[in-house]
Amino acid sequence: MTYRMRILLAVACMMAAMTDAMAQQTKCKEMHKVKRKETLFGIAKDNGITIEQLIDANPEMQKQGYELKKGAYICIPYPKQQTKATITETKQQPAEKDVTQREIRMGVMLPLHDNNGDGKRMVEYYRGLLMACDSIKQEGVSVDVRAWNVEEGADIKSFIKDPAAAKLDVIVGPLYSTQVKDLSAFAKKHDIKLFIPFSINVPEGGYNENVFQVYQNHTNFNAKVIDSFVENFSSCHVVIVDCNDTTSKKGVFTFPLRKKLEEKGISQSVTNLKSSEMYFAKAFDRNKRNVVVLNTGRSPELTATIAKLNNMKMNNPGIVVSLFGYTDWLLYTKHNLDNFFKYDTYIPATFYMNPLSAKTKRINTKYRWNFHADMMQALPRFAITGFDHGYFLLKGLHIYGKKFTGAAGTVGYAPIQTRLAFEPGEGGAHLNHNLTIVHYKTDNSIETINK
């Protein structure tokens, strides 16, 4: 080998060594001097890397018989996916599957205790939600349920600090108005559906596109009932019965109803429950169907009106009469069912449960099996409300995911008791506009008319 070739070979070796050194310097965060009793596991853990990353950075460790010796220098690499120039970069996490393709995460933030009526009612409602989860799992839909006992006066902020809360797909709650605004903002921030199941006033700024409010205020509900009334009874004669009830608040319905009837040219008259039989009968039309509306929802006045109608019908058999009542009347069905059938009665409501239906009997039986108790004697039944709400929500999320709007007819679920029909409202929120007319027909059958 000539002298010139030896010089070139030496330069090449030196350049290779420099390249290796530069590569090692770029790869290493530091060169660590091994101390007595140190291990690969301990060194890796102390530096926030894995053993595999440590070995990859030190090829000599891969040789058979390698031993970590005191005083040796080893390369401590930068954490995975980082280099000297990009230490703050992190590996992008893969996108999470859409809720339609994975387990649905449902949170419940309600007073779940037995200290008072609120807690007991919400426990029964929660049990209905759990029964809905169990039923929809039979259709292959997985659900993860987490519950928080959010009592009256509790600071909702302390509950939404739970890391699990931010990962939910839907939150059912709260029960109290003071907790809505913060929970609504939290739901919007994390793109979580917030389903508010009961009567509650949403404070200013509490509405957004993630909110689903079941409760309908009386003004909106009455307006919908009046529109339905005018649509269905435009060819009838309306009789308003003043029942002399000074405690009644039904004027918020009868006053705008009378105004609407006048605007539409629908005939009407007013009579008094204390009027004589002759003057009472004069308020009725002999050639049209008469639709009777009381200005109270109380039971004693309903009973007195039915007695008055019975007497009038006996003396004037040709007069055709229908009753149009209030949701309160559903509480009186046990004692007035025959009269409701007799007078072709219509009752507007946001719910209706047929106690004789197979579905109602089945859920009552399952509730006893699961919880060794009967449901509370209340209307609506809280457990059945929870079941209807839960099934509707979970099926809707499974079908539509984040695009779920709760619009009428989109879920395809026939409720046992509580129908839901959401429409866009204030602040982009989804507001329930369900109206169910329960019709007790003269053939002793019952039909429900959904609006």
Protein backbone atom coordinates (compact mmCIF):
# COMPACT_ATOMS: atom_id res chain seq x y z
CA MET A 1 0.00 0.00 0.00
CA THR A 2 1.49 3.35 -0.98
CA TYR A 3 1.97 6.16 1.48
CA ARG A 4 -0.77 8.24 -0.23
CA MET A 5 -3.31 5.41 0.08
CA ARG A 6 -2.48 4.99 3.77
CA ILE A 7 -3.13 8.72 4.34
CA LEU A 8 -6.50 8.57 2.50
CA LEU A 9 -7.56 5.48 4.49
CA ALA A 10 -6.68 7.19 7.76
CA VAL A 11 -8.69 10.29 6.81
CA ALA A 12 -11.67 8.12 5.85
CA CYS A 13 -11.57 6.30 9.19
CA MET A 14 -11.31 9.59 11.04
CA MET A 15 -14.31 11.01 9.11
CA ALA A 16 -16.35 7.89 9.87
CA ALA A 17 -15.51 8.17 13.55
CA MET A 18 -16.52 11.85 13.52
CA THR A 19 -19.80 10.98 11.78
CA ASP A 20 -20.56 8.27 14.37
CA ALA A 21 -19.74 10.70 17.17
CA MET A 22 -22.01 13.37 15.68
CA ALA A 23 -24.82 10.83 15.24
CA GLN A 24 -24.35 9.67 18.80
CA GLN A 25 -24.41 13.27 20.06
CA THR A 26 -27.63 14.01 18.15
CA LYS A 27 -29.26 10.81 19.41
CA CYS A 28 -28.26 11.23 23.03
CA LYS A 29 -29.77 13.63 25.48
CA GLU A 30 -26.69 13.00 27.67
CA MET A 31 -23.93 10.49 28.34
CA HIS A 32 -24.61 8.85 31.68
CA LYS A 33 -21.81 7.47 33.88
CA VAL A 34 -23.00 4.22 35.45
CA LYS A 35 -22.95 4.15 39.24
CA ARG A 36 -22.59 1.17 41.53
CA LYS A 37 -25.66 -1.09 41.73
CA GLU A 38 -27.52 0.78 38.94
CA THR A 39 -29.66 -1.32 36.58
CA LEU A 40 -30.97 -0.83 33.07
CA PHE A 41 -34.51 -0.74 34.45
CA GLY A 42 -33.67 1.92 37.02
CA ILE A 43 -31.75 4.11 34.54
CA ALA A 44 -34.58 3.91 31.99
CA LYS A 45 -37.24 4.72 34.60
CA ASP A 46 -35.27 7.68 36.00
CA ASN A 47 -34.96 9.16 32.52
CA GLY A 48 -38.55 8.60 31.38
CA ILE A 49 -37.74 6.07 28.69
CA THR A 50 -38.28 2.36 28.17
CA ILE A 51 -35.57 -0.31 28.46
CA GLU A 52 -36.01 -1.00 24.74
CA GLN A 53 -35.29 2.65 23.91
CA LEU A 54 -32.18 2.57 26.12
CA ILE A 55 -30.84 -0.59 24.42
CA ASP A 56 -31.58 0.77 20.93
CA ALA A 57 -29.47 3.83 21.74
CA ASN A 58 -26.58 1.65 22.95
CA PRO A 59 -25.90 -1.11 20.35
CA GLU A 60 -23.21 -2.74 22.52
CA MET A 61 -25.96 -3.74 24.97
CA GLN A 62 -27.38 -6.03 22.29
CA LYS A 63 -24.20 -8.16 22.24
CA GLN A 64 -24.29 -11.52 23.95
CA GLY A 65 -22.87 -11.44 27.50
CA TYR A 66 -23.13 -7.66 27.90
CA GLU A 67 -22.95 -6.48 31.53
CA LEU A 68 -23.63 -3.01 32.85
CA LYS A 69 -20.43 -1.94 34.67
CA LYS A 70 -19.70 0.86 37.11
CA GLY A 71 -17.92 3.78 35.46
CA ALA A 72 -19.06 2.98 31.93
CA TYR A 73 -20.66 5.74 29.86
CA ILE A 74 -23.98 5.02 28.16
CA CYS A 75 -26.19 7.07 25.89
CA ILE A 76 -29.47 8.34 27.36
CA PRO A 77 -31.72 8.97 24.33
CA TYR A 78 -34.43 11.56 24.03
CA PRO A 79 -37.90 10.19 24.81
CA LYS A 80 -39.64 8.43 21.94
CA GLN A 81 -40.66 10.60 18.99
CA GLN A 82 -38.45 13.46 20.20
CA THR A 83 -35.14 14.81 18.92
CA LYS A 84 -32.80 17.46 20.24
CA ALA A 85 -34.47 20.08 18.06
CA THR A 86 -38.09 19.04 18.79
CA ILE A 87 -38.27 18.12 22.46
CA THR A 88 -41.80 19.58 22.89
CA GLU A 89 -43.37 17.54 20.10
CA THR A 90 -45.68 14.66 21.05
CA LYS A 91 -47.02 11.80 19.05
CA GLN A 92 -50.49 12.52 17.70
CA GLN A 93 -53.08 10.24 19.26
CA PRO A 94 -55.29 8.23 16.91
CA ALA A 95 -58.82 9.59 16.53
CA GLU A 96 -61.36 7.95 18.81
CA LYS A 97 -64.03 5.85 17.19
CA ASP A 98 -67.39 7.50 16.66
CA VAL A 99 -69.95 6.71 19.35
CA THR A 100 -71.97 4.73 16.79
CA GLN A 101 -69.13 2.18 16.66
CA ARG A 102 -68.21 1.84 20.31
CA GLU A 103 -69.49 1.74 23.87
CA ILE A 104 -71.72 4.70 24.83
CA ARG A 105 -70.55 6.51 27.95
CA MET A 106 -73.51 7.88 29.94
CA GLY A 107 -73.20 9.96 33.11
CA VAL A 108 -76.00 10.63 35.62
CA MET A 109 -75.76 13.77 37.78
CA LEU A 110 -78.87 13.77 39.96
CA PRO A 111 -79.66 13.61 43.70
CA LEU A 112 -79.38 9.85 44.25
CA HIS A 113 -80.19 9.31 47.92
CA ASP A 114 -83.10 8.51 50.25
CA ASN A 115 -82.91 11.64 52.41
CA ASN A 116 -85.97 13.33 50.90
CA GLY A 117 -88.55 13.13 48.13
CA ASP A 118 -86.23 14.49 45.45
CA GLY A 119 -83.64 11.83 46.14
CA LYS A 120 -86.14 8.98 46.28
CA ARG A 121 -87.80 10.02 43.03
CA MET A 122 -84.46 10.36 41.26
CA VAL A 123 -83.30 6.96 42.53
CA GLU A 124 -86.38 5.42 40.94
CA TYR A 125 -85.75 7.39 37.74
CA TYR A 126 -82.11 6.19 37.75
CA ARG A 127 -83.28 2.61 38.12
CA GLY A 128 -85.36 3.11 34.98
CA LEU A 129 -82.26 4.34 33.16
CA LEU A 130 -80.38 1.21 34.23
CA MET A 131 -83.23 -0.98 32.96
CA ALA A 132 -83.01 0.83 29.61
CA CYS A 133 -79.27 0.13 29.48
CA ASP A 134 -79.95 -3.53 30.14
CA SER A 135 -82.60 -3.72 27.42
CA ILE A 136 -80.57 -1.96 24.74
CA LYS A 137 -77.56 -4.18 25.48
CA GLN A 138 -79.71 -7.06 24.22
CA GLU A 139 -79.63 -5.30 20.84
CA GLY A 140 -75.84 -5.31 20.87
CA VAL A 141 -75.34 -1.76 22.15
CA SER A 142 -72.77 -1.49 24.97
CA VAL A 143 -73.21 1.18 27.65
CA ASP A 144 -70.90 2.38 30.41
CA VAL A 145 -72.84 4.20 33.15
CA ARG A 146 -71.31 6.46 35.79
CA ALA A 147 -73.41 8.18 38.45
CA TRP A 148 -72.78 11.07 40.82
CA ASN A 149 -75.00 12.01 43.78
CA VAL A 150 -75.53 15.72 43.09
CA GLU A 151 -77.65 17.06 45.92
CA GLU A 152 -79.45 20.39 46.16
CA GLY A 153 -76.99 23.17 46.88
CA ALA A 154 -74.01 21.11 45.70
CA ASP A 155 -71.32 22.87 43.65
CA ILE A 156 -71.51 21.18 40.25
CA LYS A 157 -67.93 22.30 39.52
CA SER A 158 -66.61 19.81 42.06
CA PHE A 159 -68.25 16.96 40.12
CA ILE A 160 -67.13 17.95 36.63
CA LYS A 161 -63.52 18.03 37.83
CA ASP A 162 -63.65 14.23 37.78
CA PRO A 163 -61.56 13.21 34.72
CA ALA A 164 -64.18 10.60 33.84
CA ALA A 165 -66.80 13.33 33.33
CA ALA A 166 -65.01 14.87 30.34
CA LYS A 167 -65.03 11.53 28.51
CA LEU A 168 -68.82 11.10 28.61
CA ASP A 169 -71.06 11.11 25.54
CA VAL A 170 -74.19 12.22 27.40
CA ILE A 171 -74.99 13.55 30.87
CA VAL A 172 -78.47 13.12 32.35
CA GLY A 173 -79.13 15.95 34.79
CA PRO A 174 -79.14 18.15 36.74
CA LEU A 175 -82.32 18.48 38.78
CA TYR A 176 -81.69 21.97 40.14
CA SER A 177 -81.57 25.21 38.12
CA THR A 178 -78.52 26.59 39.94
CA GLN A 179 -76.40 23.76 38.54
CA VAL A 180 -77.42 24.15 34.89
CA LYS A 181 -75.21 26.99 33.66
CA ASP A 182 -71.85 25.48 34.69
CA LEU A 183 -72.85 21.99 33.58
CA SER A 184 -74.09 23.34 30.25
CA ALA A 185 -70.79 25.16 29.64
CA PHE A 186 -68.87 21.99 30.55
CA ALA A 187 -70.96 19.93 28.13
CA LYS A 188 -70.37 22.40 25.32
CA LYS A 189 -66.62 22.52 25.98
CA HIS A 190 -66.27 18.73 25.79
CA ASP A 191 -68.99 18.16 23.14
CA ILE A 192 -71.21 16.15 25.49
CA LYS A 193 -74.99 15.92 25.15
CA LEU A 194 -76.70 17.38 28.26
CA PHE A 195 -80.13 15.84 28.77
CA ILE A 196 -82.18 17.79 31.38
CA PRO A 197 -85.01 15.41 32.27
CA PHE A 198 -87.37 17.37 34.54
CA SER A 199 -88.99 20.75 35.09
CA ILE A 200 -86.25 23.26 35.52
CA ASN A 201 -85.60 26.88 34.64
CA VAL A 202 -82.51 27.29 32.52
CA PRO A 203 -80.74 30.52 33.50
CA GLU A 204 -79.59 33.08 30.95
CA GLY A 205 -76.64 31.76 29.01
CA GLY A 206 -77.45 28.17 29.93
CA TYR A 207 -78.70 27.14 26.51
CA ASN A 208 -76.42 25.82 23.77
CA GLU A 209 -76.55 23.24 20.97
CA ASN A 210 -75.57 20.41 23.34
CA VAL A 211 -78.58 20.91 25.62
CA PHE A 212 -81.70 18.72 25.40
CA GLN A 213 -84.46 20.07 27.68
CA VAL A 214 -87.44 17.81 28.24
CA TYR A 215 -89.53 20.26 30.28
CA GLN A 216 -91.92 22.52 28.41
CA ASN A 217 -92.91 25.78 30.03
CA HIS A 218 -96.64 26.33 30.43
CA THR A 219 -96.82 29.15 27.90
CA ASN A 220 -95.36 27.09 25.06
CA PHE A 221 -97.31 23.98 26.02
CA ASN A 222 -100.64 25.86 26.21
CA ALA A 223 -99.96 27.51 22.85
CA LYS A 224 -99.44 24.10 21.26
CA VAL A 225 -102.61 22.74 22.91
CA ILE A 226 -104.65 25.71 21.68
CA ASP A 227 -103.38 25.26 18.12
CA SER A 228 -104.35 21.59 18.28
CA PHE A 229 -107.76 22.44 19.76
CA VAL A 230 -108.57 24.90 16.97
CA GLU A 231 -107.39 22.43 14.33
CA ASN A 232 -109.53 19.57 15.63
CA PHE A 233 -112.70 21.39 16.76
CA SER A 234 -113.09 24.14 14.17
CA SER A 235 -116.60 22.94 13.25
CA CYS A 236 -117.76 22.59 16.86
CA HIS A 237 -119.34 24.89 19.41
CA VAL A 238 -117.18 25.55 22.48
CA VAL A 239 -118.72 25.93 25.94
CA ILE A 240 -116.55 27.49 28.66
CA VAL A 241 -117.78 26.58 32.15
CA ASP A 242 -116.91 29.04 34.91
CA CYS A 243 -116.46 26.84 37.99
CA ASN A 244 -116.06 29.69 40.54
CA ASP A 245 -112.66 28.37 41.65
CA THR A 246 -110.74 31.40 42.96
CA THR A 247 -107.56 29.31 43.29
CA SER A 248 -107.51 28.20 39.66
CA LYS A 249 -104.66 29.21 37.36
CA LYS A 250 -106.26 27.75 34.25
CA GLY A 251 -107.06 31.23 32.97
CA VAL A 252 -103.66 31.16 31.26
CA PHE A 253 -105.25 28.55 29.00
CA THR A 254 -108.90 29.61 28.73
CA PHE A 255 -108.25 33.33 28.06
CA PRO A 256 -105.94 32.82 25.04
CA LEU A 257 -108.17 29.94 23.88
CA ARG A 258 -111.21 32.23 23.75
CA LYS A 259 -109.19 34.85 21.91
CA LYS A 260 -108.03 32.31 19.33
CA LEU A 261 -111.60 30.99 18.88
CA GLU A 262 -112.77 34.53 18.22
CA GLU A 263 -109.98 35.12 15.69
CA LYS A 264 -110.88 31.91 13.85
CA GLY A 265 -114.62 32.56 13.92
CA ILE A 266 -115.37 29.44 15.98
CA SER A 267 -118.62 29.74 17.93
CA GLN A 268 -118.40 29.83 21.73
CA SER A 269 -120.41 30.59 24.83
CA VAL A 270 -119.82 30.91 28.56
CA THR A 271 -121.93 29.44 31.35
CA ASN A 272 -121.59 29.04 35.10
CA LEU A 273 -121.55 25.87 37.16
CA LYS A 274 -124.06 27.49 39.53
CA SER A 275 -126.49 28.43 36.76
CA SER A 276 -129.95 26.90 36.75
CA GLU A 277 -130.48 23.84 34.59
CA MET A 278 -132.32 25.91 32.01
CA TYR A 279 -129.65 28.62 31.67
CA PHE A 280 -126.89 26.01 31.73
CA ALA A 281 -128.52 24.18 28.81
CA LYS A 282 -128.93 27.41 26.82
CA ALA A 283 -125.15 27.61 26.40
CA PHE A 284 -125.17 24.45 24.23
CA ASP A 285 -125.76 24.26 20.47
CA ARG A 286 -128.39 21.77 19.29
CA ASN A 287 -126.91 21.43 15.78
CA LYS A 288 -123.18 21.08 16.47
CA ARG A 289 -120.97 18.99 18.67
CA ASN A 290 -120.34 20.91 21.89
CA VAL A 291 -116.84 20.83 23.39
CA VAL A 292 -116.90 21.66 27.10
CA VAL A 293 -113.90 23.34 28.72
CA LEU A 294 -113.70 24.03 32.46
CA ASN A 295 -111.66 26.90 33.87
CA THR A 296 -110.29 24.70 36.65
CA GLY A 297 -108.53 21.36 36.81
CA ARG A 298 -109.80 20.32 40.24
CA SER A 299 -111.69 17.09 40.85
CA PRO A 300 -114.74 18.45 42.80
CA GLU A 301 -115.65 20.87 40.02
CA LEU A 302 -115.18 18.12 37.40
CA THR A 303 -117.57 15.89 39.36
CA ALA A 304 -120.13 18.71 39.63
CA THR A 305 -119.88 19.47 35.90
CA ILE A 306 -120.45 15.83 34.97
CA ALA A 307 -123.54 15.75 37.19
CA LYS A 308 -124.79 18.90 35.45
CA LEU A 309 -124.14 17.38 32.02
CA ASN A 310 -125.92 14.14 32.98
CA ASN A 311 -129.02 16.04 33.95
CA MET A 312 -128.93 18.20 30.81
CA LYS A 313 -128.47 15.16 28.56
CA MET A 314 -131.40 13.45 30.21
CA ASN A 315 -133.61 16.46 29.43
CA ASN A 316 -132.03 17.15 26.04
CA PRO A 317 -130.97 13.77 24.60
CA GLY A 318 -130.13 15.21 21.17
CA ILE A 319 -127.27 17.40 22.41
CA VAL A 320 -123.81 16.03 21.53
CA VAL A 321 -121.12 16.74 24.14
CA SER A 322 -117.36 16.17 24.37
CA LEU A 323 -115.11 17.15 27.29
CA PHE A 324 -111.72 18.76 26.87
CA GLY A 325 -109.69 18.64 30.07
CA TYR A 326 -106.29 19.08 31.65
CA THR A 327 -103.34 16.80 32.43
CA ASP A 328 -104.51 16.86 36.07
CA TRP A 329 -107.51 14.79 35.04
CA LEU A 330 -105.30 11.75 34.43
CA LEU A 331 -105.08 11.51 38.23
CA TYR A 332 -108.85 11.12 38.40
CA THR A 333 -109.14 8.33 35.84
CA LYS A 334 -109.77 5.63 38.44
CA HIS A 335 -113.04 7.29 39.55
CA ASN A 336 -114.05 8.91 36.25
CA LEU A 337 -113.12 6.41 33.56
CA ASP A 338 -116.75 5.61 32.66
CA ASN A 339 -117.58 9.32 32.49
CA PHE A 340 -114.54 10.01 30.31
CA PHE A 341 -115.77 7.36 27.87
CA LYS A 342 -119.33 8.64 28.05
CA TYR A 343 -118.37 12.21 27.21
CA ASP A 344 -115.80 11.47 24.52
CA THR A 345 -113.08 13.11 26.61
CA TYR A 346 -109.82 14.62 25.34
CA ILE A 347 -106.94 15.25 27.76
CA PRO A 348 -103.74 17.00 26.64
CA ALA A 349 -100.53 15.79 28.31
CA THR A 350 -96.82 15.24 27.86
CA PHE A 351 -97.17 11.59 28.86
CA TYR A 352 -99.63 8.73 28.99
CA MET A 353 -99.33 5.23 30.39
CA ASN A 354 -101.90 2.55 29.69
CA PRO A 355 -101.82 0.43 32.88
CA LEU A 356 -103.41 -2.51 31.05
CA SER A 357 -100.92 -2.72 28.17
CA ALA A 358 -98.52 -5.68 27.94
CA LYS A 359 -95.49 -3.33 27.89
CA THR A 360 -96.58 -1.61 31.11
CA LYS A 361 -97.21 -4.91 32.87
CA ARG A 362 -93.85 -6.25 31.71
CA ILE A 363 -91.81 -3.28 32.97
CA ASN A 364 -93.64 -3.34 36.31
CA THR A 365 -92.75 -7.01 36.69
CA LYS A 366 -89.10 -6.45 35.75
CA TYR A 367 -88.84 -3.58 38.21
CA ARG A 368 -90.03 -5.86 41.03
CA TRP A 369 -87.56 -8.57 40.01
CA ASN A 370 -84.63 -6.18 39.85
CA PHE A 371 -85.28 -3.97 42.87
CA HIS A 372 -87.66 -6.00 45.08
CA ALA A 373 -90.13 -3.13 45.32
CA ASP A 374 -93.05 -1.57 43.47
CA MET A 375 -92.81 1.77 41.70
CA MET A 376 -94.04 4.86 43.49
CA GLN A 377 -97.71 5.70 42.97
CA ALA A 378 -97.08 8.86 40.97
CA LEU A 379 -97.94 10.21 37.54
CA PRO A 380 -95.86 9.97 35.55
CA ARG A 381 -94.08 6.88 36.89
CA PHE A 382 -90.47 7.89 37.48
CA ALA A 383 -88.92 4.51 36.65
CA ILE A 384 -90.85 4.29 33.38
CA THR A 385 -89.87 7.88 32.56
CA GLY A 386 -86.24 6.90 33.15
CA PHE A 387 -86.63 3.84 30.93
CA ASP A 388 -88.21 5.83 28.08
CA HIS A 389 -85.62 8.61 28.34
CA GLY A 390 -82.71 6.19 28.54
CA TYR A 391 -83.79 4.00 25.65
CA PHE A 392 -84.55 7.00 23.46
CA LEU A 393 -81.16 8.60 24.18
CA LEU A 394 -79.05 5.49 23.83
CA LYS A 395 -80.70 4.28 20.66
CA GLY A 396 -80.46 7.76 19.14
CA LEU A 397 -76.75 8.06 19.97
CA HIS A 398 -76.11 4.57 18.63
CA ILE A 399 -77.80 5.41 15.32
CA TYR A 400 -76.69 9.02 14.79
CA GLY A 401 -73.77 9.60 17.15
CA LYS A 402 -72.90 13.28 17.57
CA LYS A 403 -75.49 14.17 14.91
CA PHE A 404 -78.37 13.01 17.14
CA THR A 405 -81.07 15.72 17.39
CA GLY A 406 -83.96 13.85 19.02
CA ALA A 407 -86.44 15.01 16.37
CA ALA A 408 -89.82 13.30 16.31
CA GLY A 409 -89.82 9.96 14.50
CA THR A 410 -86.06 9.70 14.02
CA VAL A 411 -85.35 7.08 16.69
CA GLY A 412 -88.22 4.70 15.99
CA TYR A 413 -88.94 3.96 19.65
CA ALA A 414 -92.53 3.57 20.83
CA PRO A 415 -92.46 4.77 24.47
CA ILE A 416 -94.29 3.07 27.29
CA GLN A 417 -95.26 6.38 28.85
CA THR A 418 -93.17 9.41 27.85
CA ARG A 419 -92.85 10.51 24.23
CA LEU A 420 -90.09 12.93 23.22
CA ALA A 421 -89.99 15.23 20.20
CA PHE A 422 -87.18 17.80 20.19
CA GLU A 423 -87.01 20.89 17.99
CA PRO A 424 -84.35 23.63 17.70
CA GLY A 425 -84.86 26.42 20.20
CA GLU A 426 -83.12 29.18 22.12
CA GLY A 427 -79.35 29.25 21.79
CA GLY A 428 -79.45 26.27 19.44
CA ALA A 429 -80.71 24.01 22.25
CA HIS A 430 -83.01 21.09 21.56
CA LEU A 431 -86.36 21.75 23.26
CA ASN A 432 -89.06 19.13 23.71
CA HIS A 433 -92.34 19.97 21.96
CA ASN A 434 -94.20 16.74 22.50
CA LEU A 435 -97.95 16.93 22.89
CA THR A 436 -100.03 13.82 23.42
CA ILE A 437 -103.82 14.03 23.35
CA VAL A 438 -105.38 11.12 25.26
CA HIS A 439 -108.79 10.42 23.76
CA TYR A 440 -111.32 8.33 25.72
CA LYS A 441 -113.70 7.24 22.97
CA THR A 442 -117.37 6.43 23.37
CA ASP A 443 -116.73 2.80 22.33
CA ASN A 444 -114.72 2.42 25.58
CA SER A 445 -111.37 2.42 23.80
CA ILE A 446 -108.46 4.80 24.31
CA GLU A 447 -106.33 6.35 21.59
CA THR A 448 -103.34 8.65 21.85
CA ILE A 449 -102.91 11.40 19.30
CA ASN A 450 -99.36 12.71 19.00
CA LYS A 451 -98.78 16.27 17.87
